[in-house]
C-alpha atoms as a PDB file:
ATOM      1  CA  MET A   1      84.545 -49.478  -7.645  1.00  0.00           C
ATOM      2  CA  THR A   2      87.442 -52.102  -8.243  1.00  0.00           C
ATOM      3  CA  ARG A   3      87.841 -55.471  -7.491  1.00  0.00           C
ATOM      4  CA  SER A   4      89.132 -55.853  -4.834  1.00  0.00           C
ATOM      5  CA  LEU A   5      86.494 -53.405  -3.358  1.00  0.00           C
ATOM      6  CA  THR A   6      83.855 -55.881  -5.153  1.00  0.00           C
ATOM      7  CA  ILE A   7      85.126 -58.545  -3.192  1.00  0.00           C
ATOM      8  CA  GLN A   8      84.768 -56.904   0.218  1.00  0.00           C
ATOM      9  CA  LEU A   9      81.327 -56.375  -0.269  1.00  0.00           C
ATOM     10  CA  GLY A  10      80.336 -59.225  -1.489  1.00  0.00           C
ATOM     11  CA  LEU A  11      82.009 -61.095   1.333  1.00  0.00           C
ATOM     12  CA  VAL A  12      80.153 -58.591   4.097  1.00  0.00           C
ATOM     13  CA  ALA A  13      77.061 -58.852   2.361  1.00  0.00           C
ATOM     14  CA  VAL A  14      77.390 -62.664   2.460  1.00  0.00           C
ATOM     15  CA  ILE A  15      78.826 -63.342   5.658  1.00  0.00           C
ATOM     16  CA  GLY A  16      76.614 -60.478   6.981  1.00  0.00           C
ATOM     17  CA  ALA A  17      73.530 -62.138   5.443  1.00  0.00           C
ATOM     18  CA  VAL A  18      74.235 -66.029   6.768  1.00  0.00           C
ATOM     19  CA  LEU A  19      74.824 -65.129  10.659  1.00  0.00           C
ATOM     20  CA  VAL A  20      71.299 -62.672  10.029  1.00  0.00           C
ATOM     21  CA  LEU A  21      69.760 -65.272   9.221  1.00  0.00           C
ATOM     22  CA  VAL A  22      71.369 -68.310  10.989  1.00  0.00           C
ATOM     23  CA  LEU A  23      71.507 -66.472  14.624  1.00  0.00           C
ATOM     24  CA  PRO A  24      68.102 -66.235  15.864  1.00  0.00           C
ATOM     25  CA  GLN A  25      68.559 -69.628  15.826  1.00  0.00           C
ATOM     26  CA  LEU A  26      71.021 -70.380  18.091  1.00  0.00           C
ATOM     27  CA  ILE A  27      70.735 -67.842  20.699  1.00  0.00           C
ATOM     28  CA  GLY A  28      67.454 -67.299  23.041  1.00  0.00           C
ATOM     29  CA  ILE A  29      65.014 -64.570  22.641  1.00  0.00           C
ATOM     30  CA  ASP A  30      67.174 -61.846  24.991  1.00  0.00           C
ATOM     31  CA  ARG A  31      70.307 -62.125  22.801  1.00  0.00           C
ATOM     32  CA  VAL A  32      67.890 -61.379  19.547  1.00  0.00           C
ATOM     33  CA  LEU A  33      66.297 -58.646  21.079  1.00  0.00           C
ATOM     34  CA  GLN A  34      69.689 -57.267  21.838  1.00  0.00           C
ATOM     35  CA  LEU A  35      71.246 -57.335  18.382  1.00  0.00           C
ATOM     36  CA  THR A  36      67.964 -56.175  17.165  1.00  0.00           C
ATOM     37  CA  LEU A  37      68.155 -52.985  19.524  1.00  0.00           C
ATOM     38  CA  ASN A  38      72.559 -52.767  18.316  1.00  0.00           C
ATOM     39  CA  PHE A  39      71.362 -52.801  14.809  1.00  0.00           C
ATOM     40  CA  ALA A  40      69.315 -49.723  15.158  1.00  0.00           C
ATOM     41  CA  PHE A  41      72.051 -48.048  16.825  1.00  0.00           C
ATOM     42  CA  SER A  42      74.745 -48.690  14.877  1.00  0.00           C
ATOM     43  CA  ILE A  43      72.760 -47.164  11.736  1.00  0.00           C
ATOM     44  CA  LEU A  44      72.303 -43.976  13.930  1.00  0.00           C
ATOM     45  CA  ALA A  45      76.558 -44.229  14.648  1.00  0.00           C
ATOM     46  CA  LEU A  46      77.106 -45.128  11.057  1.00  0.00           C
ATOM     47  CA  SER A  47      74.765 -41.694   9.850  1.00  0.00           C
ATOM     48  CA  LEU A  48      77.509 -40.106  12.121  1.00  0.00           C
ATOM     49  CA  ALA A  49      80.449 -41.384  10.867  1.00  0.00           C
ATOM     50  CA  PHE A  50      79.516 -40.715   7.461  1.00  0.00           C
ATOM     51  CA  ILE A  51      78.587 -36.746   7.987  1.00  0.00           C
ATOM     52  CA  TRP A  52      81.608 -36.635  10.475  1.00  0.00           C
ATOM     53  CA  GLY A  53      83.890 -38.930   9.115  1.00  0.00           C
ATOM     54  CA  TYR A  54      83.850 -37.721   5.474  1.00  0.00           C
ATOM     55  CA  ALA A  55      82.289 -35.200   5.115  1.00  0.00           C
ATOM     56  CA  GLY A  56      83.881 -33.154   7.850  1.00  0.00           C
ATOM     57  CA  ILE A  57      80.509 -32.416  10.002  1.00  0.00           C
ATOM     58  CA  PHE A  58      80.460 -32.404  13.276  1.00  0.00           C
ATOM     59  CA  SER A  59      76.937 -32.913  13.986  1.00  0.00           C
ATOM     60  CA  PHE A  60      75.082 -33.184  17.282  1.00  0.00           C
ATOM     61  CA  GLY A  61      71.905 -33.473  16.101  1.00  0.00           C
ATOM     62  CA  GLN A  62      71.979 -37.107  14.807  1.00  0.00           C
ATOM     63  CA  ALA A  63      70.225 -38.406  17.118  1.00  0.00           C
ATOM     64  CA  ALA A  64      67.573 -35.313  16.425  1.00  0.00           C
ATOM     65  CA  PHE A  65      67.157 -36.800  13.291  1.00  0.00           C
ATOM     66  CA  PHE A  66      66.597 -40.739  14.500  1.00  0.00           C
ATOM     67  CA  GLY A  67      63.916 -39.373  16.975  1.00  0.00           C
ATOM     68  CA  VAL A  68      62.180 -37.587  14.718  1.00  0.00           C
ATOM     69  CA  GLY A  69      62.241 -40.447  12.571  1.00  0.00           C
ATOM     70  CA  ALA A  70      60.752 -42.751  15.121  1.00  0.00           C
ATOM     71  CA  TYR A  71      58.102 -40.740  16.527  1.00  0.00           C
ATOM     72  CA  ALA A  72      57.539 -39.820  12.648  1.00  0.00           C
ATOM     73  CA  TYR A  73      56.771 -43.597  11.690  1.00  0.00           C
ATOM     74  CA  ALA A  74      55.020 -44.200  15.033  1.00  0.00           C
ATOM     75  CA  ALA A  75      52.300 -41.468  14.025  1.00  0.00           C
ATOM     76  CA  ALA A  76      51.974 -42.368  10.377  1.00  0.00           C
ATOM     77  CA  ALA A  77      51.674 -46.547  11.355  1.00  0.00           C
ATOM     78  CA  ILE A  78      49.115 -45.412  14.457  1.00  0.00           C
ATOM     79  CA  ASN A  79      46.898 -43.334  11.781  1.00  0.00           C
ATOM     80  CA  PHE A  80      47.479 -45.402   8.435  1.00  0.00           C
ATOM     81  CA  GLY A  81      47.502 -48.884  10.848  1.00  0.00           C
ATOM     82  CA  GLU A  82      49.761 -50.712   9.579  1.00  0.00           C
ATOM     83  CA  SER A  83      53.214 -49.424   8.066  1.00  0.00           C
ATOM     84  CA  THR A  84      53.469 -49.662   4.454  1.00  0.00           C
ATOM     85  CA  TRP A  85      53.562 -45.988   4.268  1.00  0.00           C
ATOM     86  CA  ALA A  86      54.966 -44.982   7.741  1.00  0.00           C
ATOM     87  CA  ILE A  87      58.589 -45.989   6.607  1.00  0.00           C
ATOM     88  CA  PRO A  88      59.142 -43.579   3.835  1.00  0.00           C
ATOM     89  CA  MET A  89      57.326 -40.957   5.685  1.00  0.00           C
ATOM     90  CA  ALA A  90      59.711 -41.660   9.000  1.00  0.00           C
ATOM     91  CA  ILE A  91      63.081 -41.487   6.356  1.00  0.00           C
ATOM     92  CA  ILE A  92      61.611 -38.364   4.257  1.00  0.00           C
ATOM     93  CA  VAL A  93      60.742 -36.108   7.426  1.00  0.00           C
ATOM     94  CA  PRO A  94      64.040 -36.082   8.997  1.00  0.00           C
ATOM     95  CA  VAL A  95      65.975 -35.177   5.597  1.00  0.00           C
ATOM     96  CA  ILE A  96      63.387 -32.462   5.414  1.00  0.00           C
ATOM     97  CA  LEU A  97      63.978 -31.050   8.614  1.00  0.00           C
ATOM     98  CA  ALA A  98      68.359 -31.834   7.932  1.00  0.00           C
ATOM     99  CA  VAL A  99      68.086 -30.117   4.609  1.00  0.00           C
ATOM    100  CA  LEU A 100      66.217 -26.872   6.579  1.00  0.00           C
ATOM    101  CA  LEU A 101      68.317 -26.636   9.113  1.00  0.00           C
ATOM    102  CA  GLY A 102      71.547 -27.357   6.804  1.00  0.00           C
ATOM    103  CA  TYR A 103      70.500 -24.310   4.055  1.00  0.00           C
ATOM    104  CA  PHE A 104      70.403 -21.768   7.303  1.00  0.00           C
ATOM    105  CA  MET A 105      73.942 -23.375   9.075  1.00  0.00           C
ATOM    106  CA  PHE A 106      75.822 -24.526   5.449  1.00  0.00           C
ATOM    107  CA  TYR A 107      74.318 -20.885   2.917  1.00  0.00           C
ATOM    108  CA  ALA A 108      75.388 -19.069   5.827  1.00  0.00           C
ATOM    109  CA  ARG A 109      78.672 -20.641   6.074  1.00  0.00           C
ATOM    110  CA  LEU A 110      79.043 -20.922   9.581  1.00  0.00           C
ATOM    111  CA  THR A 111      81.840 -22.369  11.053  1.00  0.00           C
ATOM    112  CA  ALA A 112      82.068 -25.966  12.681  1.00  0.00           C
ATOM    113  CA  ILE A 113      81.790 -25.323  16.241  1.00  0.00           C
ATOM    114  CA  TYR A 114      78.459 -23.703  15.518  1.00  0.00           C
ATOM    115  CA  VAL A 115      77.005 -25.742  13.608  1.00  0.00           C
ATOM    116  CA  ALA A 116      78.438 -28.188  16.163  1.00  0.00           C
ATOM    117  CA  VAL A 117      76.127 -25.830  18.836  1.00  0.00           C
ATOM    118  CA  ILE A 118      73.520 -25.104  16.811  1.00  0.00           C
ATOM    119  CA  THR A 119      73.323 -29.182  16.434  1.00  0.00           C
ATOM    120  CA  LEU A 120      72.484 -29.985  19.655  1.00  0.00           C
ATOM    121  CA  VAL A 121      70.626 -26.860  20.233  1.00  0.00           C
ATOM    122  CA  VAL A 122      68.105 -28.288  17.829  1.00  0.00           C
ATOM    123  CA  THR A 123      67.906 -31.223  19.550  1.00  0.00           C
ATOM    124  CA  LEU A 124      67.722 -30.193  22.935  1.00  0.00           C
ATOM    125  CA  ILE A 125      64.744 -27.740  21.951  1.00  0.00           C
ATOM    126  CA  ILE A 126      62.751 -30.528  20.561  1.00  0.00           C
ATOM    127  CA  TYR A 127      63.508 -33.020  23.559  1.00  0.00           C
ATOM    128  CA  LYS A 128      62.220 -29.835  25.583  1.00  0.00           C
ATOM    129  CA  PHE A 129      58.797 -29.645  23.520  1.00  0.00           C
ATOM    130  CA  MET A 130      58.767 -33.268  22.493  1.00  0.00           C
ATOM    131  CA  GLY A 131      58.601 -33.267  27.014  1.00  0.00           C
ATOM    132  CA  GLN A 132      55.340 -30.405  26.900  1.00  0.00           C
ATOM    133  CA  THR A 133      53.448 -32.812  24.520  1.00  0.00           C
ATOM    134  CA  ALA A 134      51.102 -34.542  27.960  1.00  0.00           C
ATOM    135  CA  LYS A 135      47.970 -32.759  26.465  1.00  0.00           C
ATOM    136  CA  PRO A 136      45.229 -34.426  24.547  1.00  0.00           C
ATOM    137  CA  SER A 137      45.525 -31.703  22.317  1.00  0.00           C
ATOM    138  CA  TYR A 138      48.671 -32.309  21.047  1.00  0.00           C
ATOM    139  CA  MET A 139      47.813 -35.132  18.271  1.00  0.00           C
ATOM    140  CA  ILE A 140      48.607 -36.089  15.285  1.00  0.00           C
ATOM    141  CA  GLY A 141      45.757 -37.216  13.518  1.00  0.00           C
ATOM    142  CA  ASN A 142      45.112 -40.523  16.055  1.00  0.00           C
ATOM    143  CA  ALA A 143      48.076 -40.575  17.728  1.00  0.00           C
ATOM    144  CA  SER A 144      48.687 -39.200  20.963  1.00  0.00           C
ATOM    145  CA  LEU A 145      52.321 -37.448  21.541  1.00  0.00           C
ATOM    146  CA  GLY A 146      52.461 -38.122  24.907  1.00  0.00           C
ATOM    147  CA  GLY A 147      55.016 -35.967  26.425  1.00  0.00           C
ATOM    148  CA  TYR A 148      57.162 -37.507  28.819  1.00  0.00           C
ATOM    149  CA  ASN A 149      54.943 -40.998  28.822  1.00  0.00           C
ATOM    150  CA  GLY A 150      55.592 -41.205  25.157  1.00  0.00           C
ATOM    151  CA  ILE A 151      53.941 -43.544  22.272  1.00  0.00           C
ATOM    152  CA  PRO A 152      52.770 -47.177  23.342  1.00  0.00           C
ATOM    153  CA  ALA A 153      51.558 -49.113  21.108  1.00  0.00           C
ATOM    154  CA  ILE A 154      53.595 -48.327  17.790  1.00  0.00           C
ATOM    155  CA  PRO A 155      51.591 -51.310  14.988  1.00  0.00           C
ATOM    156  CA  PRO A 156      55.258 -53.190  13.712  1.00  0.00           C
ATOM    157  CA  LEU A 157      56.484 -53.015  10.449  1.00  0.00           C
ATOM    158  CA  ASN A 158      54.604 -55.493   8.012  1.00  0.00           C
ATOM    159  CA  VAL A 159      54.120 -57.074   4.733  1.00  0.00           C
ATOM    160  CA  PRO A 160      53.652 -53.757   2.815  1.00  0.00           C
ATOM    161  CA  GLY A 161      49.988 -53.637   2.032  1.00  0.00           C
ATOM    162  CA  ARG A 162      48.787 -56.600   4.187  1.00  0.00           C
ATOM    163  CA  PRO A 163      49.489 -55.614   8.868  1.00  0.00           C
ATOM    164  CA  ASP A 164      47.984 -59.421   9.189  1.00  0.00           C
ATOM    165  CA  LEU A 165      51.324 -60.224   8.785  1.00  0.00           C
ATOM    166  CA  TRP A 166      53.765 -58.454  10.418  1.00  0.00           C
ATOM    167  CA  ALA A 167      56.734 -58.726  12.221  1.00  0.00           C
ATOM    168  CA  GLY A 168      57.820 -60.179  15.024  1.00  0.00           C
ATOM    169  CA  PRO A 169      61.475 -60.761  17.393  1.00  0.00           C
ATOM    170  CA  THR A 170      62.983 -62.998  15.014  1.00  0.00           C
ATOM    171  CA  GLU A 171      61.458 -61.178  11.608  1.00  0.00           C
ATOM    172  CA  MET A 172      62.882 -57.850  13.482  1.00  0.00           C
ATOM    173  CA  PHE A 173      66.018 -58.999  13.854  1.00  0.00           C
ATOM    174  CA  ARG A 174      66.055 -59.776  10.677  1.00  0.00           C
ATOM    175  CA  ILE A 175      65.138 -56.722   9.205  1.00  0.00           C
ATOM    176  CA  ALA A 176      66.935 -55.100  11.386  1.00  0.00           C
ATOM    177  CA  GLY A 177      70.768 -56.770  10.603  1.00  0.00           C
ATOM    178  CA  PHE A 178      69.890 -56.531   7.073  1.00  0.00           C
ATOM    179  CA  ALA A 179      69.345 -52.886   7.151  1.00  0.00           C
ATOM    180  CA  LEU A 180      72.707 -52.485   8.849  1.00  0.00           C
ATOM    181  CA  ILE A 181      74.383 -54.614   6.520  1.00  0.00           C
ATOM    182  CA  ALA A 182      72.350 -52.665   2.944  1.00  0.00           C
ATOM    183  CA  VAL A 183      73.596 -48.856   5.038  1.00  0.00           C
ATOM    184  CA  TYR A 184      76.783 -50.365   5.072  1.00  0.00           C
ATOM    185  CA  ILE A 185      77.224 -51.390   1.415  1.00  0.00           C
ATOM    186  CA  GLY A 186      75.517 -48.438   0.228  1.00  0.00           C
ATOM    187  CA  LEU A 187      77.860 -46.228   2.386  1.00  0.00           C
ATOM    188  CA  ARG A 188      81.011 -48.133   0.712  1.00  0.00           C
ATOM    189  CA  LEU A 189      79.720 -47.669  -2.597  1.00  0.00           C
ATOM    190  CA  LEU A 190      78.741 -43.784  -2.453  1.00  0.00           C
ATOM    191  CA  LEU A 191      82.370 -42.806  -1.156  1.00  0.00           C
ATOM    192  CA  VAL A 192      83.927 -44.481  -3.812  1.00  0.00           C
ATOM    193  CA  SER A 193      81.331 -42.435  -6.292  1.00  0.00           C
ATOM    194  CA  ARG A 194      81.784 -39.462  -7.370  1.00  0.00           C
ATOM    195  CA  LEU A 195      80.051 -37.097  -4.768  1.00  0.00           C
ATOM    196  CA  GLY A 196      81.896 -39.067  -2.504  1.00  0.00           C
ATOM    197  CA  ARG A 197      85.333 -38.879  -3.177  1.00  0.00           C
ATOM    198  CA  VAL A 198      83.739 -34.970  -3.620  1.00  0.00           C
ATOM    199  CA  LEU A 199      83.002 -34.860   0.050  1.00  0.00           C
ATOM    200  CA  VAL A 200      86.216 -36.721   0.922  1.00  0.00           C
ATOM    201  CA  GLY A 201      88.315 -33.640  -0.783  1.00  0.00           C
ATOM    202  CA  MET A 202      86.009 -31.089   0.896  1.00  0.00           C
ATOM    203  CA  ARG A 203      86.902 -33.048   4.138  1.00  0.00           C
ATOM    204  CA  GLU A 204      90.118 -32.055   3.852  1.00  0.00           C
ATOM    205  CA  ASN A 205      90.350 -28.773   2.218  1.00  0.00           C
ATOM    206  CA  GLU A 206      87.236 -26.987   1.351  1.00  0.00           C
ATOM    207  CA  LEU A 207      88.859 -24.105  -0.666  1.00  0.00           C
ATOM    208  CA  ARG A 208      90.419 -26.088  -3.466  1.00  0.00           C
ATOM    209  CA  MET A 209      87.282 -27.798  -4.213  1.00  0.00           C
ATOM    210  CA  GLU A 210      85.251 -24.647  -3.897  1.00  0.00           C
ATOM    211  CA  LEU A 211      87.834 -22.876  -6.793  1.00  0.00           C
ATOM    212  CA  LEU A 212      87.431 -26.312  -8.279  1.00  0.00           C
ATOM    213  CA  GLY A 213      84.747 -25.629  -9.289  1.00  0.00           C
ATOM    214  CA  PHE A 214      82.345 -27.208  -6.901  1.00  0.00           C
ATOM    215  CA  ASP A 215      79.471 -25.905  -4.186  1.00  0.00           C
ATOM    216  CA  PRO A 216      80.775 -26.532  -0.740  1.00  0.00           C
ATOM    217  CA  ARG A 217      77.387 -25.498   1.041  1.00  0.00           C
ATOM    218  CA  LEU A 218      75.185 -28.083  -1.677  1.00  0.00           C
ATOM    219  CA  LEU A 219      77.510 -30.324  -1.298  1.00  0.00           C
ATOM    220  CA  LYS A 220      77.515 -30.216   2.436  1.00  0.00           C
ATOM    221  CA  VAL A 221      73.099 -30.089   2.620  1.00  0.00           C
ATOM    222  CA  ILE A 222      73.417 -32.951   0.657  1.00  0.00           C
ATOM    223  CA  ALA A 223      75.827 -34.760   2.599  1.00  0.00           C
ATOM    224  CA  PHE A 224      73.965 -33.503   5.526  1.00  0.00           C
ATOM    225  CA  ALA A 225      70.029 -34.958   4.468  1.00  0.00           C
ATOM    226  CA  ILE A 226      71.674 -38.407   3.448  1.00  0.00           C
ATOM    227  CA  SER A 227      73.301 -38.834   6.666  1.00  0.00           C
ATOM    228  CA  ALA A 228      69.269 -37.507   8.739  1.00  0.00           C
ATOM    229  CA  GLY A 229      67.850 -39.924   6.525  1.00  0.00           C
ATOM    230  CA  ILE A 230      70.134 -43.136   7.653  1.00  0.00           C
ATOM    231  CA  ALA A 231      69.429 -41.684  11.175  1.00  0.00           C
ATOM    232  CA  GLY A 232      65.297 -42.209  10.396  1.00  0.00           C
ATOM    233  CA  LEU A 233      65.990 -45.132   9.385  1.00  0.00           C
ATOM    234  CA  GLY A 234      67.839 -46.222  12.411  1.00  0.00           C
ATOM    235  CA  GLY A 235      64.887 -44.799  14.753  1.00  0.00           C
ATOM    236  CA  ILE A 236      61.842 -46.676  12.235  1.00  0.00           C
ATOM    237  CA  LEU A 237      63.679 -49.568  13.643  1.00  0.00           C
ATOM    238  CA  PHE A 238      64.214 -48.131  17.586  1.00  0.00           C
ATOM    239  CA  ALA A 239      60.373 -47.704  17.640  1.00  0.00           C
ATOM    240  CA  ASN A 240      59.563 -51.652  16.950  1.00  0.00           C
ATOM    241  CA  TRP A 241      62.186 -52.993  18.768  1.00  0.00           C
ATOM    242  CA  ASN A 242      60.269 -52.498  22.113  1.00  0.00           C
ATOM    243  CA  ALA A 243      56.820 -50.621  20.156  1.00  0.00           C
ATOM    244  CA  PHE A 244      57.041 -47.738  22.405  1.00  0.00           C
ATOM    245  CA  ILE A 245      59.081 -43.929  22.129  1.00  0.00           C
ATOM    246  CA  ASP A 246      59.309 -41.620  24.354  1.00  0.00           C
ATOM    247  CA  PRO A 247      61.730 -38.159  24.333  1.00  0.00           C
ATOM    248  CA  HIS A 248      64.545 -39.941  26.150  1.00  0.00           C
ATOM    249  CA  VAL A 249      66.138 -40.138  22.872  1.00  0.00           C
ATOM    250  CA  PHE A 250      66.340 -36.674  22.429  1.00  0.00           C
ATOM    251  CA  ASN A 251      68.558 -36.164  25.582  1.00  0.00           C
ATOM    252  CA  LEU A 252      71.838 -34.949  26.071  1.00  0.00           C
ATOM    253  CA  ALA A 253      72.926 -38.433  27.195  1.00  0.00           C
ATOM    254  CA  PHE A 254      71.257 -39.931  24.438  1.00  0.00           C
ATOM    255  CA  ALA A 255      72.823 -37.437  21.775  1.00  0.00           C
ATOM    256  CA  ALA A 256      76.541 -37.816  22.957  1.00  0.00           C
ATOM    257  CA  GLN A 257      76.002 -41.568  22.759  1.00  0.00           C
ATOM    258  CA  PRO A 258      77.238 -41.639  18.979  1.00  0.00           C
ATOM    259  CA  ILE A 259      79.621 -39.619  19.128  1.00  0.00           C
ATOM    260  CA  ILE A 260      81.125 -41.787  21.734  1.00  0.00           C
ATOM    261  CA  TRP A 261      80.546 -45.047  19.696  1.00  0.00           C
ATOM    262  CA  VAL A 262      82.065 -43.291  16.367  1.00  0.00           C
ATOM    263  CA  ILE A 263      85.743 -42.034  18.807  1.00  0.00           C
ATOM    264  CA  ILE A 264      85.557 -45.881  20.684  1.00  0.00           C
ATOM    265  CA  GLY A 265      85.460 -47.088  16.478  1.00  0.00           C
ATOM    266  CA  GLY A 266      87.746 -44.773  15.107  1.00  0.00           C
ATOM    267  CA  VAL A 267      86.406 -41.714  13.125  1.00  0.00           C
ATOM    268  CA  GLY A 268      86.948 -41.921   9.467  1.00  0.00           C
ATOM    269  CA  THR A 269      85.549 -45.732   9.405  1.00  0.00           C
ATOM    270  CA  LEU A 270      81.945 -47.200   8.774  1.00  0.00           C
ATOM    271  CA  SER A 271      83.575 -51.107  10.206  1.00  0.00           C
ATOM    272  CA  GLY A 272      84.569 -48.781  13.055  1.00  0.00           C
ATOM    273  CA  PRO A 273      81.159 -47.034  14.748  1.00  0.00           C
ATOM    274  CA  ILE A 274      79.334 -50.391  14.300  1.00  0.00           C
ATOM    275  CA  LEU A 275      82.157 -52.255  16.290  1.00  0.00           C
ATOM    276  CA  GLY A 276      82.182 -49.536  18.976  1.00  0.00           C
ATOM    277  CA  THR A 277      77.980 -49.376  19.221  1.00  0.00           C
ATOM    278  CA  PHE A 278      78.025 -53.391  19.748  1.00  0.00           C
ATOM    279  CA  ILE A 279      80.827 -53.072  22.494  1.00  0.00           C
ATOM    280  CA  LEU A 280      79.223 -50.446  24.704  1.00  0.00           C
ATOM    281  CA  SER A 281      76.028 -51.032  24.232  1.00  0.00           C
ATOM    282  CA  THR A 282      76.524 -54.474  25.374  1.00  0.00           C
ATOM    283  CA  LEU A 283      78.902 -53.614  27.989  1.00  0.00           C
ATOM    284  CA  SER A 284      75.566 -51.098  29.135  1.00  0.00           C
ATOM    285  CA  LEU A 285      73.037 -54.076  28.890  1.00  0.00           C
ATOM    286  CA  GLU A 286      75.482 -56.033  31.562  1.00  0.00           C
ATOM    287  CA  LEU A 287      76.674 -52.997  33.624  1.00  0.00           C
ATOM    288  CA  GLY A 288      72.851 -52.682  34.093  1.00  0.00           C
ATOM    289  CA  THR A 289      71.755 -56.102  35.228  1.00  0.00           C
ATOM    290  CA  GLN A 290      74.018 -55.179  39.091  1.00  0.00           C
ATOM    291  CA  LYS A 291      73.908 -52.008  41.035  1.00  0.00           C
ATOM    292  CA  ALA A 292      77.354 -52.030  42.739  1.00  0.00           C
ATOM    293  CA  LEU A 293      78.635 -49.976  40.146  1.00  0.00           C
ATOM    294  CA  ASP A 294      76.883 -46.242  38.228  1.00  0.00           C
ATOM    295  CA  VAL A 295      77.115 -47.484  34.031  1.00  0.00           C
ATOM    296  CA  ASN A 296      77.086 -43.845  32.893  1.00  0.00           C
ATOM    297  CA  LEU A 297      80.473 -43.861  35.178  1.00  0.00           C
ATOM    298  CA  VAL A 298      82.226 -47.414  33.824  1.00  0.00           C
ATOM    299  CA  LEU A 299      81.162 -45.685  30.721  1.00  0.00           C
ATOM    300  CA  GLY A 300      82.128 -42.581  31.160  1.00  0.00           C
ATOM    301  CA  ALA A 301      85.914 -44.016  32.468  1.00  0.00           C
ATOM    302  CA  ILE A 302      86.653 -46.396  29.568  1.00  0.00           C
ATOM    303  CA  PHE A 303      85.802 -43.387  26.906  1.00  0.00           C
ATOM    304  CA  THR A 304      88.631 -41.263  28.845  1.00  0.00           C
ATOM    305  CA  ILE A 305      90.969 -44.622  28.807  1.00  0.00           C
ATOM    306  CA  PHE A 306      90.445 -45.040  25.125  1.00  0.00           C
ATOM    307  CA  VAL A 307      90.900 -41.213  24.811  1.00  0.00           C
ATOM    308  CA  LEU A 308      93.965 -41.368  26.151  1.00  0.00           C
ATOM    309  CA  LEU A 309      95.975 -44.390  25.299  1.00  0.00           C
ATOM    310  CA  VAL A 310      94.399 -45.112  21.600  1.00  0.00           C
ATOM    311  CA  PRO A 311      93.262 -41.701  20.421  1.00  0.00           C
ATOM    312  CA  GLN A 312      92.290 -43.201  16.540  1.00  0.00           C
ATOM    313  CA  GLY A 313      89.936 -45.761  17.451  1.00  0.00           C
ATOM    314  CA  ILE A 314      89.785 -49.363  17.385  1.00  0.00           C
ATOM    315  CA  ILE A 315      89.821 -50.133  13.750  1.00  0.00           C
ATOM    316  CA  PRO A 316      92.323 -47.260  12.847  1.00  0.00           C
ATOM    317  CA  SER A 317      94.720 -48.795  16.138  1.00  0.00           C
ATOM    318  CA  ILE A 318      94.856 -52.287  15.259  1.00  0.00           C
ATOM    319  CA  ARG A 319      95.484 -50.722  10.787  1.00  0.00           C
ATOM    320  CA  SER A 320      98.718 -48.818  11.676  1.00  0.00           C
ATOM    321  CA  PHE A 321      99.521 -52.097  14.062  1.00  0.00           C
ATOM    322  CA  LEU A 322      99.605 -54.373  11.011  1.00  0.00           C
ATOM    323  CA  GLU A 323     100.952 -51.155   8.663  1.00  0.00           C
ATOM    324  CA  SER A 324     104.032 -50.968  11.059  1.00  0.00           C
ATOM    325  CA  ARG A 325     104.460 -54.309  10.369  1.00  0.00           C
ATOM    326  CA  GLY A 326     103.965 -54.553   6.593  1.00  0.00           C
ATOM    327  CA  ILE A 327      99.873 -56.492   6.175  1.00  0.00           C
ATOM    328  CA  GLY A 328      98.241 -54.579   4.530  1.00  0.00           C
ATOM    329  CA  THR A 329      99.147 -51.606   3.396  1.00  0.00           C
ATOM    330  CA  GLY A 330      98.871 -51.179  -0.095  1.00  0.00           C
ATOM    331  CA  ALA A 331      95.412 -51.945  -0.262  1.00  0.00           C
ATOM    332  CA  ARG A 332      94.144 -48.531   2.332  1.00  0.00           C
ATOM    333  CA  LYS A 333      96.060 -45.952  -0.621  1.00  0.00           C
ATOM    334  CA  GLU A 334      92.892 -45.915  -2.979  1.00  0.00           C
ATOM    335  CA  VAL A 335      89.975 -43.280  -1.480  1.00  0.00           C
ATOM    336  CA  PRO A 336      91.426 -41.868   2.219  1.00  0.00           C
ATOM    337  CA  ALA A 337      89.112 -43.910   5.358  1.00  0.00           C
ATOM    338  CA  HIS A 338      86.795 -46.221   3.220  1.00  0.00           C
ATOM    339  CA  ASP A 339      86.112 -49.077   4.435  1.00  0.00           C
END
């Protein structure tokens, strides 16, 4: 790890921690709740940014891992009565799903388009199945899946082993904020590690990496599992955001949102998808307060305009603009697209 990266990550950690600790005291509870949701969605966006932008795998199924993580947390928290064991289970279950799905896809050497289609189909299958679980027989221990009515009254995050010490809105804001910072820094460190460089090399030229002795199939499964675990973490935070989860997290509209966030922010970056998530999620909230315009129509128009006018995304376009004027041209040559 270079000194410049150490300084960058140190600044991210310090500035991020200060904002996460101070902001709840400066803004209203409605903004605290909205930003908490944005943090959870940003972690979901980072899971796609990693697998797509760096491993070169376009996955339409990050919403599936996000939703499975949320459901796994809800079921485990209800059965255990607290979150101590529910958190690791909600990350492990999406990882297992990703390993199984990735094994069949990547060891079969399916092309990128088939991987995208299969991950989308799996997401929609889960959506359809979860919608049909309203009968009382669909139980995981004491947790009723509830079909389209979802699972209400999900136990909140608590101090390990102390269900009486649970997180309120302000605590959830800070937990989600620190989780986002940790995921961002963790991915930055991963991408400058040997594994990260191999994944970037595989994205650039898979055949060359195979000739160098690496197994692209195994690497893809590992990257896929990491992205699923990150998405599952976002699902945990989302399930805690309003103590409720239902099958809408698996539907086509929601599955497409992380793709839009990443494209708007910039594929091949980590900061871009976070920015795209905050912009579009906040815009959706503001547009939802009025009835004159259809939210999906406006967001679709914005997405189309961005793709036509800013095809690289916000962060890469800003970087290109600065580099065209000789600003910051040397700092980005160490590892391709790693911010």
